[in-house]
PDB file of N, CA and C in Angstrom:
ATOM      1  N   MET A   1     -12.173 -31.547 -49.825  1.00  0.00           N
ATOM      2  CA  MET A   1     -10.929 -32.861 -48.593  1.00  0.00           C
ATOM      3  C   MET A   1     -11.240 -33.989 -49.163  1.00  0.00           C
ATOM      4  N   MET A   2     -10.432 -34.708 -49.046  1.00  0.00           N
ATOM      5  CA  MET A   2     -10.465 -36.242 -49.558  1.00  0.00           C
ATOM      6  C   MET A   2     -10.248 -37.085 -48.369  1.00  0.00           C
ATOM      7  N   VAL A   3     -11.169 -37.781 -48.196  1.00  0.00           N
ATOM      8  CA  VAL A   3     -10.254 -39.321 -47.337  1.00  0.00           C
ATOM      9  C   VAL A   3     -10.469 -39.899 -47.626  1.00  0.00           C
ATOM     10  N   VAL A   4      -8.844 -41.135 -47.704  1.00  0.00           N
ATOM     11  CA  VAL A   4      -8.897 -42.451 -48.331  1.00  0.00           C
ATOM     12  C   VAL A   4      -8.379 -43.515 -47.531  1.00  0.00           C
ATOM     13  N   CYS A   5      -9.189 -44.293 -46.639  1.00  0.00           N
ATOM     14  CA  CYS A   5      -8.446 -45.704 -46.508  1.00  0.00           C
ATOM     15  C   CYS A   5      -8.010 -46.371 -47.369  1.00  0.00           C
ATOM     16  N   LEU A   6      -7.264 -46.867 -46.221  1.00  0.00           N
ATOM     17  CA  LEU A   6      -6.051 -48.396 -47.326  1.00  0.00           C
ATOM     18  C   LEU A   6      -6.782 -49.427 -46.764  1.00  0.00           C
ATOM     19  N   CYS A   7      -7.052 -50.808 -46.680  1.00  0.00           N
ATOM     20  CA  CYS A   7      -7.693 -51.552 -46.517  1.00  0.00           C
ATOM     21  C   CYS A   7      -7.343 -53.034 -47.218  1.00  0.00           C
ATOM     22  N   ALA A   8      -7.485 -54.050 -46.295  1.00  0.00           N
ATOM     23  CA  ALA A   8      -7.841 -54.952 -47.507  1.00  0.00           C
ATOM     24  C   ALA A   8      -8.940 -56.217 -46.818  1.00  0.00           C
ATOM     25  N   ALA A   9      -9.094 -56.978 -47.987  1.00  0.00           N
ATOM     26  CA  ALA A   9     -10.366 -57.631 -48.099  1.00  0.00           C
ATOM     27  C   ALA A   9     -10.260 -58.634 -46.614  1.00  0.00           C
ATOM     28  N   TRP A  10      -9.536 -59.331 -46.558  1.00  0.00           N
ATOM     29  CA  TRP A  10      -8.554 -60.342 -46.011  1.00  0.00           C
ATOM     30  C   TRP A  10      -8.860 -59.932 -44.360  1.00  0.00           C
ATOM     31  N   CYS A  11      -8.421 -58.471 -44.119  1.00  0.00           N
ATOM     32  CA  CYS A  11      -8.288 -57.893 -42.917  1.00  0.00           C
ATOM     33  C   CYS A  11      -9.920 -57.927 -41.792  1.00  0.00           C
ATOM     34  N   ASP A  12     -10.098 -58.358 -41.094  1.00  0.00           N
ATOM     35  CA  ASP A  12     -11.415 -58.439 -40.572  1.00  0.00           C
ATOM     36  C   ASP A  12     -11.741 -56.952 -40.212  1.00  0.00           C
ATOM     37  N   THR A  13     -10.947 -57.095 -39.425  1.00  0.00           N
ATOM     38  CA  THR A  13     -10.706 -55.122 -38.395  1.00  0.00           C
ATOM     39  C   THR A  13     -11.092 -54.184 -40.161  1.00  0.00           C
ATOM     40  N   CYS A  14     -10.592 -54.053 -41.040  1.00  0.00           N
ATOM     41  CA  CYS A  14     -11.025 -53.176 -42.278  1.00  0.00           C
ATOM     42  C   CYS A  14     -12.749 -54.249 -41.924  1.00  0.00           C
ATOM     43  N   THR A  15     -12.930 -55.066 -42.282  1.00  0.00           N
ATOM     44  CA  THR A  15     -14.322 -55.278 -42.914  1.00  0.00           C
ATOM     45  C   THR A  15     -15.114 -55.019 -41.768  1.00  0.00           C
ATOM     46  N   GLU A  16     -14.501 -54.735 -40.318  1.00  0.00           N
ATOM     47  CA  GLU A  16     -15.713 -54.363 -39.165  1.00  0.00           C
ATOM     48  C   GLU A  16     -16.012 -52.772 -39.601  1.00  0.00           C
ATOM     49  N   PHE A  17     -14.516 -51.857 -39.980  1.00  0.00           N
ATOM     50  CA  PHE A  17     -15.104 -50.909 -39.717  1.00  0.00           C
ATOM     51  C   PHE A  17     -14.964 -49.921 -41.179  1.00  0.00           C
ATOM     52  N   ARG A  18     -15.467 -50.939 -42.093  1.00  0.00           N
ATOM     53  CA  ARG A  18     -15.673 -50.233 -43.316  1.00  0.00           C
ATOM     54  C   ARG A  18     -17.500 -49.444 -43.307  1.00  0.00           C
ATOM     55  N   VAL A  19     -18.860 -50.014 -42.101  1.00  0.00           N
ATOM     56  CA  VAL A  19     -20.093 -49.606 -42.253  1.00  0.00           C
ATOM     57  C   VAL A  19     -19.476 -48.162 -41.506  1.00  0.00           C
ATOM     58  N   ALA A  20     -18.266 -48.639 -39.799  1.00  0.00           N
ATOM     59  CA  ALA A  20     -17.957 -46.949 -39.595  1.00  0.00           C
ATOM     60  C   ALA A  20     -17.589 -46.030 -40.939  1.00  0.00           C
ATOM     61  N   PHE A  21     -17.212 -46.166 -41.821  1.00  0.00           N
ATOM     62  CA  PHE A  21     -16.429 -45.319 -42.796  1.00  0.00           C
ATOM     63  C   PHE A  21     -17.368 -45.087 -43.693  1.00  0.00           C
ATOM     64  N   ASP A  22     -18.461 -45.825 -43.263  1.00  0.00           N
ATOM     65  CA  ASP A  22     -20.152 -45.169 -44.642  1.00  0.00           C
ATOM     66  C   ASP A  22     -20.490 -44.763 -43.744  1.00  0.00           C
ATOM     67  N   ARG A  23     -20.740 -45.011 -42.750  1.00  0.00           N
ATOM     68  CA  ARG A  23     -21.446 -43.757 -41.773  1.00  0.00           C
ATOM     69  C   ARG A  23     -20.780 -42.318 -41.766  1.00  0.00           C
ATOM     70  N   ILE A  24     -19.734 -42.225 -41.845  1.00  0.00           N
ATOM     71  CA  ILE A  24     -18.627 -41.218 -40.450  1.00  0.00           C
ATOM     72  C   ILE A  24     -18.585 -40.568 -42.479  1.00  0.00           C
ATOM     73  N   ALA A  25     -18.837 -40.825 -43.097  1.00  0.00           N
ATOM     74  CA  ALA A  25     -19.248 -40.548 -44.767  1.00  0.00           C
ATOM     75  C   ALA A  25     -20.678 -39.887 -45.685  1.00  0.00           C
ATOM     76  N   ALA A  26     -21.443 -40.705 -45.352  1.00  0.00           N
ATOM     77  CA  ALA A  26     -22.381 -40.322 -45.470  1.00  0.00           C
ATOM     78  C   ALA A  26     -22.903 -38.657 -44.401  1.00  0.00           C
ATOM     79  N   ALA A  27     -22.327 -38.879 -43.073  1.00  0.00           N
ATOM     80  CA  ALA A  27     -23.180 -37.273 -42.673  1.00  0.00           C
ATOM     81  C   ALA A  27     -21.896 -36.367 -42.986  1.00  0.00           C
ATOM     82  N   ARG A  28     -20.522 -36.918 -43.967  1.00  0.00           N
ATOM     83  CA  ARG A  28     -20.342 -35.332 -44.825  1.00  0.00           C
ATOM     84  C   ARG A  28     -20.065 -35.290 -46.371  1.00  0.00           C
ATOM     85  N   PRO A  29     -21.210 -34.917 -46.163  1.00  0.00           N
ATOM     86  CA  PRO A  29     -21.912 -35.070 -48.125  1.00  0.00           C
ATOM     87  C   PRO A  29     -20.669 -34.310 -48.740  1.00  0.00           C
ATOM     88  N   ASP A  30     -19.981 -33.119 -48.048  1.00  0.00           N
ATOM     89  CA  ASP A  30     -19.465 -32.074 -48.840  1.00  0.00           C
ATOM     90  C   ASP A  30     -17.828 -32.465 -49.189  1.00  0.00           C
ATOM     91  N   MET A  31     -17.417 -33.579 -48.283  1.00  0.00           N
ATOM     92  CA  MET A  31     -16.302 -34.111 -48.599  1.00  0.00           C
ATOM     93  C   MET A  31     -16.451 -35.591 -49.421  1.00  0.00           C
ATOM     94  N   ARG A  32     -14.962 -35.899 -50.207  1.00  0.00           N
ATOM     95  CA  ARG A  32     -14.745 -37.345 -50.647  1.00  0.00           C
ATOM     96  C   ARG A  32     -14.411 -38.515 -49.773  1.00  0.00           C
ATOM     97  N   PHE A  33     -14.689 -39.424 -49.747  1.00  0.00           N
ATOM     98  CA  PHE A  33     -14.554 -40.300 -49.487  1.00  0.00           C
ATOM     99  C   PHE A  33     -13.981 -41.819 -49.908  1.00  0.00           C
ATOM    100  N   ILE A  34     -12.781 -42.160 -49.899  1.00  0.00           N
ATOM    101  CA  ILE A  34     -12.418 -43.787 -50.945  1.00  0.00           C
ATOM    102  C   ILE A  34     -11.901 -44.477 -50.188  1.00  0.00           C
ATOM    103  N   TRP A  35     -12.425 -46.059 -50.622  1.00  0.00           N
ATOM    104  CA  TRP A  35     -12.438 -47.555 -49.651  1.00  0.00           C
ATOM    105  C   TRP A  35     -11.009 -47.390 -50.953  1.00  0.00           C
ATOM    106  N   LEU A  36     -10.616 -47.643 -50.859  1.00  0.00           N
ATOM    107  CA  LEU A  36      -8.665 -48.184 -51.510  1.00  0.00           C
ATOM    108  C   LEU A  36      -8.697 -50.106 -50.970  1.00  0.00           C
ATOM    109  N   ASP A  37      -8.495 -50.798 -51.454  1.00  0.00           N
ATOM    110  CA  ASP A  37      -7.995 -52.254 -51.117  1.00  0.00           C
ATOM    111  C   ASP A  37      -6.248 -51.851 -51.730  1.00  0.00           C
ATOM    112  N   ILE A  38      -5.637 -52.640 -50.796  1.00  0.00           N
ATOM    113  CA  ILE A  38      -4.517 -52.679 -51.208  1.00  0.00           C
ATOM    114  C   ILE A  38      -3.639 -53.384 -52.271  1.00  0.00           C
ATOM    115  N   GLU A  39      -5.017 -54.319 -52.169  1.00  0.00           N
ATOM    116  CA  GLU A  39      -3.930 -55.604 -53.350  1.00  0.00           C
ATOM    117  C   GLU A  39      -5.495 -55.086 -54.309  1.00  0.00           C
ATOM    118  N   ASP A  40      -6.784 -55.709 -54.447  1.00  0.00           N
ATOM    119  CA  ASP A  40      -7.711 -55.095 -55.964  1.00  0.00           C
ATOM    120  C   ASP A  40      -7.002 -53.542 -56.169  1.00  0.00           C
ATOM    121  N   ASP A  41      -6.656 -52.859 -55.796  1.00  0.00           N
ATOM    122  CA  ASP A  41      -6.883 -51.690 -56.449  1.00  0.00           C
ATOM    123  C   ASP A  41      -4.977 -51.072 -55.765  1.00  0.00           C
ATOM    124  N   SER A  42      -3.979 -52.293 -56.184  1.00  0.00           N
ATOM    125  CA  SER A  42      -2.727 -51.697 -56.486  1.00  0.00           C
ATOM    126  C   SER A  42      -2.148 -51.162 -57.470  1.00  0.00           C
ATOM    127  N   GLU A  43      -2.728 -50.761 -58.732  1.00  0.00           N
ATOM    128  CA  GLU A  43      -2.771 -50.167 -59.211  1.00  0.00           C
ATOM    129  C   GLU A  43      -2.539 -48.532 -59.283  1.00  0.00           C
ATOM    130  N   LEU A  44      -3.638 -48.613 -58.527  1.00  0.00           N
ATOM    131  CA  LEU A  44      -3.872 -46.507 -57.670  1.00  0.00           C
ATOM    132  C   LEU A  44      -2.959 -46.998 -56.465  1.00  0.00           C
ATOM    133  N   CYS A  45      -3.242 -47.462 -54.927  1.00  0.00           N
ATOM    134  CA  CYS A  45      -1.720 -47.650 -53.789  1.00  0.00           C
ATOM    135  C   CYS A  45      -0.506 -47.689 -54.509  1.00  0.00           C
ATOM    136  N   GLY A  46       0.111 -48.667 -55.538  1.00  0.00           N
ATOM    137  CA  GLY A  46       1.284 -48.912 -55.989  1.00  0.00           C
ATOM    138  C   GLY A  46       1.971 -49.298 -54.951  1.00  0.00           C
ATOM    139  N   ASP A  47       3.559 -48.005 -54.880  1.00  0.00           N
ATOM    140  CA  ASP A  47       4.581 -49.186 -53.691  1.00  0.00           C
ATOM    141  C   ASP A  47       3.811 -48.083 -52.010  1.00  0.00           C
ATOM    142  N   ILE A  48       3.084 -47.962 -52.146  1.00  0.00           N
ATOM    143  CA  ILE A  48       2.219 -47.722 -50.683  1.00  0.00           C
ATOM    144  C   ILE A  48       2.665 -48.356 -49.893  1.00  0.00           C
ATOM    145  N   ASP A  49       3.353 -48.366 -48.384  1.00  0.00           N
ATOM    146  CA  ASP A  49       3.197 -49.120 -47.292  1.00  0.00           C
ATOM    147  C   ASP A  49       3.047 -49.333 -46.554  1.00  0.00           C
ATOM    148  N   VAL A  50       1.725 -50.434 -46.686  1.00  0.00           N
ATOM    149  CA  VAL A  50       0.765 -50.068 -45.351  1.00  0.00           C
ATOM    150  C   VAL A  50       1.182 -51.639 -44.064  1.00  0.00           C
ATOM    151  N   GLU A  51       1.531 -50.739 -43.110  1.00  0.00           N
ATOM    152  CA  GLU A  51       2.333 -51.385 -42.495  1.00  0.00           C
ATOM    153  C   GLU A  51       0.898 -51.815 -40.637  1.00  0.00           C
ATOM    154  N   ASN A  52      -0.226 -51.099 -40.771  1.00  0.00           N
ATOM    155  CA  ASN A  52      -1.588 -51.747 -39.790  1.00  0.00           C
ATOM    156  C   ASN A  52      -2.507 -51.164 -40.407  1.00  0.00           C
ATOM    157  N   PHE A  53      -3.975 -52.164 -40.475  1.00  0.00           N
ATOM    158  CA  PHE A  53      -5.200 -51.037 -40.854  1.00  0.00           C
ATOM    159  C   PHE A  53      -6.193 -51.063 -39.644  1.00  0.00           C
ATOM    160  N   PRO A  54      -6.964 -50.234 -39.967  1.00  0.00           N
ATOM    161  CA  PRO A  54      -6.736 -49.418 -41.076  1.00  0.00           C
ATOM    162  C   PRO A  54      -5.905 -48.080 -41.042  1.00  0.00           C
ATOM    163  N   THR A  55      -5.311 -47.512 -42.536  1.00  0.00           N
ATOM    164  CA  THR A  55      -4.837 -46.857 -42.475  1.00  0.00           C
ATOM    165  C   THR A  55      -5.285 -45.333 -43.451  1.00  0.00           C
ATOM    166  N   LEU A  56      -5.392 -44.634 -42.600  1.00  0.00           N
ATOM    167  CA  LEU A  56      -5.799 -42.900 -43.376  1.00  0.00           C
ATOM    168  C   LEU A  56      -5.112 -42.406 -44.370  1.00  0.00           C
ATOM    169  N   ALA A  57      -5.196 -41.743 -45.216  1.00  0.00           N
ATOM    170  CA  ALA A  57      -5.012 -40.236 -45.834  1.00  0.00           C
ATOM    171  C   ALA A  57      -5.781 -39.161 -45.819  1.00  0.00           C
ATOM    172  N   ILE A  58      -5.736 -38.521 -45.599  1.00  0.00           N
ATOM    173  CA  ILE A  58      -6.433 -37.204 -45.466  1.00  0.00           C
ATOM    174  C   ILE A  58      -5.809 -35.968 -46.165  1.00  0.00           C
ATOM    175  N   TYR A  59      -7.007 -35.655 -47.038  1.00  0.00           N
ATOM    176  CA  TYR A  59      -5.913 -34.426 -47.728  1.00  0.00           C
ATOM    177  C   TYR A  59      -7.228 -33.558 -48.041  1.00  0.00           C
ATOM    178  N   ARG A  60      -6.353 -32.057 -48.424  1.00  0.00           N
ATOM    179  CA  ARG A  60      -7.135 -31.084 -48.900  1.00  0.00           C
ATOM    180  C   ARG A  60      -6.670 -30.367 -50.377  1.00  0.00           C
ATOM    181  N   GLY A  61      -7.146 -31.117 -51.012  1.00  0.00           N
ATOM    182  CA  GLY A  61      -7.196 -30.845 -52.354  1.00  0.00           C
ATOM    183  C   GLY A  61      -5.702 -31.940 -52.926  1.00  0.00           C
ATOM    184  N   ASP A  62      -4.586 -31.138 -53.569  1.00  0.00           N
ATOM    185  CA  ASP A  62      -3.591 -32.291 -53.492  1.00  0.00           C
ATOM    186  C   ASP A  62      -2.921 -32.105 -52.092  1.00  0.00           C
ATOM    187  N   ALA A  63      -2.933 -31.589 -51.239  1.00  0.00           N
ATOM    188  CA  ALA A  63      -1.779 -31.937 -50.138  1.00  0.00           C
ATOM    189  C   ALA A  63      -2.559 -32.338 -48.999  1.00  0.00           C
ATOM    190  N   LEU A  64      -1.462 -33.011 -48.554  1.00  0.00           N
ATOM    191  CA  LEU A  64      -1.627 -34.293 -47.346  1.00  0.00           C
ATOM    192  C   LEU A  64      -1.604 -33.833 -46.346  1.00  0.00           C
ATOM    193  N   LEU A  65      -2.517 -33.470 -45.062  1.00  0.00           N
ATOM    194  CA  LEU A  65      -3.126 -33.654 -43.563  1.00  0.00           C
ATOM    195  C   LEU A  65      -2.461 -34.576 -42.873  1.00  0.00           C
ATOM    196  N   HIS A  66      -2.691 -35.464 -42.926  1.00  0.00           N
ATOM    197  CA  HIS A  66      -2.367 -36.847 -42.200  1.00  0.00           C
ATOM    198  C   HIS A  66      -2.374 -37.835 -42.947  1.00  0.00           C
ATOM    199  N   PHE A  67      -1.373 -38.748 -42.917  1.00  0.00           N
ATOM    200  CA  PHE A  67      -1.234 -40.216 -43.331  1.00  0.00           C
ATOM    201  C   PHE A  67      -0.735 -41.003 -42.075  1.00  0.00           C
ATOM    202  N   GLY A  68      -1.664 -41.715 -41.518  1.00  0.00           N
ATOM    203  CA  GLY A  68      -1.430 -43.156 -40.863  1.00  0.00           C
ATOM    204  C   GLY A  68      -2.279 -43.880 -39.975  1.00  0.00           C
ATOM    205  N   VAL A  69      -1.811 -44.882 -39.658  1.00  0.00           N
ATOM    206  CA  VAL A  69      -2.754 -45.985 -38.783  1.00  0.00           C
ATOM    207  C   VAL A  69      -3.698 -45.379 -38.136  1.00  0.00           C
ATOM    208  N   SER A  70      -4.912 -45.438 -38.166  1.00  0.00           N
ATOM    209  CA  SER A  70      -6.272 -45.042 -36.957  1.00  0.00           C
ATOM    210  C   SER A  70      -6.428 -46.098 -36.320  1.00  0.00           C
ATOM    211  N   LEU A  71      -7.188 -46.294 -35.214  1.00  0.00           N
ATOM    212  CA  LEU A  71      -7.720 -46.675 -34.562  1.00  0.00           C
ATOM    213  C   LEU A  71      -9.200 -47.147 -35.629  1.00  0.00           C
ATOM    214  N   PRO A  72      -9.645 -48.230 -35.163  1.00  0.00           N
ATOM    215  CA  PRO A  72     -10.791 -48.990 -36.034  1.00  0.00           C
ATOM    216  C   PRO A  72     -12.097 -48.149 -35.309  1.00  0.00           C
ATOM    217  N   GLN A  73     -12.598 -46.555 -35.058  1.00  0.00           N
ATOM    218  CA  GLN A  73     -13.472 -46.443 -34.134  1.00  0.00           C
ATOM    219  C   GLN A  73     -13.702 -45.859 -35.093  1.00  0.00           C
ATOM    220  N   GLU A  74     -15.464 -45.389 -34.688  1.00  0.00           N
ATOM    221  CA  GLU A  74     -16.302 -44.575 -36.117  1.00  0.00           C
ATOM    222  C   GLU A  74     -15.976 -42.799 -34.986  1.00  0.00           C
ATOM    223  N   GLY A  75     -16.191 -42.809 -33.481  1.00  0.00           N
ATOM    224  CA  GLY A  75     -15.942 -41.414 -33.130  1.00  0.00           C
ATOM    225  C   GLY A  75     -13.934 -41.150 -33.462  1.00  0.00           C
ATOM    226  N   THR A  76     -13.538 -41.612 -33.688  1.00  0.00           N
ATOM    227  CA  THR A  76     -11.938 -41.304 -33.483  1.00  0.00           C
ATOM    228  C   THR A  76     -11.632 -40.893 -34.397  1.00  0.00           C
ATOM    229  N   VAL A  77     -12.589 -41.581 -35.323  1.00  0.00           N
ATOM    230  CA  VAL A  77     -11.920 -41.460 -37.201  1.00  0.00           C
ATOM    231  C   VAL A  77     -13.046 -39.966 -37.387  1.00  0.00           C
ATOM    232  N   ALA A  78     -13.646 -39.767 -36.425  1.00  0.00           N
ATOM    233  CA  ALA A  78     -14.482 -38.677 -37.250  1.00  0.00           C
ATOM    234  C   ALA A  78     -14.023 -37.880 -36.882  1.00  0.00           C
ATOM    235  N   ARG A  79     -13.798 -37.432 -35.455  1.00  0.00           N
ATOM    236  CA  ARG A  79     -13.197 -35.932 -34.721  1.00  0.00           C
ATOM    237  C   ARG A  79     -12.002 -36.029 -35.923  1.00  0.00           C
ATOM    238  N   LEU A  80     -11.469 -37.100 -35.844  1.00  0.00           N
ATOM    239  CA  LEU A  80     -10.269 -36.865 -36.525  1.00  0.00           C
ATOM    240  C   LEU A  80     -10.180 -36.186 -37.794  1.00  0.00           C
ATOM    241  N   ILE A  81     -11.085 -36.593 -38.613  1.00  0.00           N
ATOM    242  CA  ILE A  81     -11.918 -35.786 -39.833  1.00  0.00           C
ATOM    243  C   ILE A  81     -11.649 -34.151 -40.298  1.00  0.00           C
ATOM    244  N   ASP A  82     -12.442 -34.332 -38.982  1.00  0.00           N
ATOM    245  CA  ASP A  82     -13.806 -33.167 -37.996  1.00  0.00           C
ATOM    246  C   ASP A  82     -12.326 -31.945 -38.096  1.00  0.00           C
ATOM    247  N   ALA A  83     -11.428 -32.418 -37.498  1.00  0.00           N
ATOM    248  CA  ALA A  83     -10.078 -31.856 -36.852  1.00  0.00           C
ATOM    249  C   ALA A  83      -9.145 -30.840 -38.331  1.00  0.00           C
ATOM    250  N   MET A  84      -9.258 -32.034 -39.220  1.00  0.00           N
ATOM    251  CA  MET A  84      -8.757 -32.221 -40.084  1.00  0.00           C
ATOM    252  C   MET A  84      -9.385 -30.732 -41.684  1.00  0.00           C
ATOM    253  N   ALA A  85     -10.727 -30.678 -41.416  1.00  0.00           N
ATOM    254  CA  ALA A  85     -10.997 -30.096 -42.378  1.00  0.00           C
ATOM    255  C   ALA A  85     -11.372 -28.859 -41.292  1.00  0.00           C
ATOM    256  N   ALA A  86     -11.527 -28.313 -40.225  1.00  0.00           N
ATOM    257  CA  ALA A  86     -11.210 -27.305 -39.578  1.00  0.00           C
ATOM    258  C   ALA A  86     -10.081 -26.225 -39.117  1.00  0.00           C
ATOM    259  N   GLY A  87      -9.061 -27.035 -39.460  1.00  0.00           N
ATOM    260  CA  GLY A  87      -7.724 -26.309 -39.591  1.00  0.00           C
ATOM    261  C   GLY A  87      -6.985 -26.069 -40.300  1.00  0.00           C
ATOM    262  N   ALA A  88      -5.688 -24.899 -40.208  1.00  0.00           N
ATOM    263  CA  ALA A  88      -5.302 -25.238 -41.465  1.00  0.00           C
ATOM    264  C   ALA A  88      -3.612 -25.881 -40.846  1.00  0.00           C
ATOM    265  N   ALA A  89      -3.808 -27.404 -40.832  1.00  0.00           N
ATOM    266  CA  ALA A  89      -3.156 -29.005 -40.843  1.00  0.00           C
ATOM    267  C   ALA A  89      -1.667 -28.657 -41.295  1.00  0.00           C
ATOM    268  N   ALA A  90      -0.490 -28.790 -40.680  1.00  0.00           N
ATOM    269  CA  ALA A  90       0.562 -28.070 -41.041  1.00  0.00           C
ATOM    270  C   ALA A  90       0.700 -29.683 -42.160  1.00  0.00           C
ATOM    271  N   ALA A  91       1.318 -29.790 -43.870  1.00  0.00           N
ATOM    272  CA  ALA A  91       1.511 -30.640 -44.735  1.00  0.00           C
ATOM    273  C   ALA A  91       2.100 -31.935 -43.651  1.00  0.00           C
ATOM    274  N   ALA A  92       1.099 -32.890 -43.865  1.00  0.00           N
ATOM    275  CA  ALA A  92       1.888 -34.273 -43.511  1.00  0.00           C
ATOM    276  C   ALA A  92       2.832 -35.235 -44.384  1.00  0.00           C
ATOM    277  N   THR A  93       4.083 -35.536 -43.962  1.00  0.00           N
ATOM    278  CA  THR A  93       5.613 -35.900 -44.639  1.00  0.00           C
ATOM    279  C   THR A  93       4.479 -37.712 -45.033  1.00  0.00           C
ATOM    280  N   ALA A  94       5.217 -37.877 -45.826  1.00  0.00           N
ATOM    281  CA  ALA A  94       4.957 -39.341 -45.974  1.00  0.00           C
ATOM    282  C   ALA A  94       5.275 -40.001 -47.484  1.00  0.00           C
ATOM    283  N   PRO A  95       5.817 -40.985 -47.816  1.00  0.00           N
ATOM    284  CA  PRO A  95       5.949 -41.516 -49.142  1.00  0.00           C
ATOM    285  C   PRO A  95       5.652 -41.175 -49.857  1.00  0.00           C
ATOM    286  N   ASP A  96       6.152 -40.209 -51.147  1.00  0.00           N
ATOM    287  CA  ASP A  96       5.633 -40.460 -52.813  1.00  0.00           C
ATOM    288  C   ASP A  96       4.279 -40.966 -53.111  1.00  0.00           C
ATOM    289  N   GLY A  97       4.273 -42.161 -52.543  1.00  0.00           N
ATOM    290  CA  GLY A  97       3.266 -42.954 -53.283  1.00  0.00           C
ATOM    291  C   GLY A  97       2.114 -42.534 -53.183  1.00  0.00           C
ATOM    292  N   VAL A  98       1.796 -42.100 -51.584  1.00  0.00           N
ATOM    293  CA  VAL A  98       1.210 -41.365 -50.977  1.00  0.00           C
ATOM    294  C   VAL A  98       0.640 -39.712 -51.384  1.00  0.00           C
ATOM    295  N   LEU A  99       1.960 -39.295 -51.970  1.00  0.00           N
ATOM    296  CA  LEU A  99       1.822 -37.946 -51.971  1.00  0.00           C
ATOM    297  C   LEU A  99       1.704 -37.886 -53.366  1.00  0.00           C
ATOM    298  N   GLN A 100       1.022 -38.432 -54.275  1.00  0.00           N
ATOM    299  CA  GLN A 100       0.802 -38.416 -56.014  1.00  0.00           C
ATOM    300  C   GLN A 100      -0.998 -39.507 -55.514  1.00  0.00           C
ATOM    301  N   LEU A 101      -1.234 -40.283 -54.844  1.00  0.00           N
ATOM    302  CA  LEU A 101      -2.412 -41.153 -54.740  1.00  0.00           C
ATOM    303  C   LEU A 101      -3.632 -39.995 -55.297  1.00  0.00           C
ATOM    304  N   PRO A 102      -3.442 -38.337 -55.044  1.00  0.00           N
ATOM    305  CA  PRO A 102      -4.106 -37.572 -55.115  1.00  0.00           C
ATOM    306  C   PRO A 102      -4.582 -37.363 -56.979  1.00  0.00           C
ATOM    307  N   HIS A 103      -3.512 -37.444 -57.242  1.00  0.00           N
ATOM    308  CA  HIS A 103      -3.219 -37.157 -58.602  1.00  0.00           C
ATOM    309  C   HIS A 103      -3.487 -38.769 -59.833  1.00  0.00           C
ATOM    310  N   ARG A 104      -3.228 -40.073 -59.031  1.00  0.00           N
ATOM    311  CA  ARG A 104      -3.562 -41.203 -59.752  1.00  0.00           C
ATOM    312  C   ARG A 104      -5.190 -41.191 -59.618  1.00  0.00           C
ATOM    313  N   LEU A 105      -6.192 -41.271 -58.634  1.00  0.00           N
ATOM    314  CA  LEU A 105      -7.092 -40.927 -58.091  1.00  0.00           C
ATOM    315  C   LEU A 105      -8.403 -40.121 -59.366  1.00  0.00           C
ATOM    316  N   ALA A 106      -6.863 -38.825 -59.422  1.00  0.00           N
ATOM    317  CA  ALA A 106      -8.075 -37.901 -60.291  1.00  0.00           C
ATOM    318  C   ALA A 106      -8.460 -38.572 -62.283  1.00  0.00           C
ATOM    319  N   GLN A 107      -6.839 -39.188 -62.193  1.00  0.00           N
ATOM    320  CA  GLN A 107      -6.826 -40.253 -63.465  1.00  0.00           C
ATOM    321  C   GLN A 107      -7.459 -41.165 -63.418  1.00  0.00           C
ATOM    322  N   ARG A 108      -8.218 -41.632 -62.530  1.00  0.00           N
ATOM    323  CA  ARG A 108      -9.488 -42.994 -62.773  1.00  0.00           C
ATOM    324  C   ARG A 108     -10.210 -41.766 -63.169  1.00  0.00           C
ATOM    325  N   GLY A 109     -10.936 -41.182 -62.414  1.00  0.00           N
ATOM    326  CA  GLY A 109     -11.829 -40.911 -62.706  1.00  0.00           C
ATOM    327  C   GLY A 109     -12.963 -40.677 -60.952  1.00  0.00           C
TER     328      GLY A 109
END
């Protein structure tokens, strides 16, 4: 499982949520958690259109399970991630940039 949080350095909500995101990641060492700044990491984010923050993309391997804005609350995000990990969720629909993100991250190393 891989959880990508798309945020921006100028976003106060993102800054506040970062601590919770890091705690969620620490509690799930078997998953990969990535924080991407849509401006600083624009070469990876490409043309992904983020309407609000934080936006999460959750993958099982290369398969997208979830893409969307999430409430920046630790418990809410943790439950979402755990639900995606536990179930065989149907593949989410999203723009090509989101679907290609695992490949771009793998190339980055």
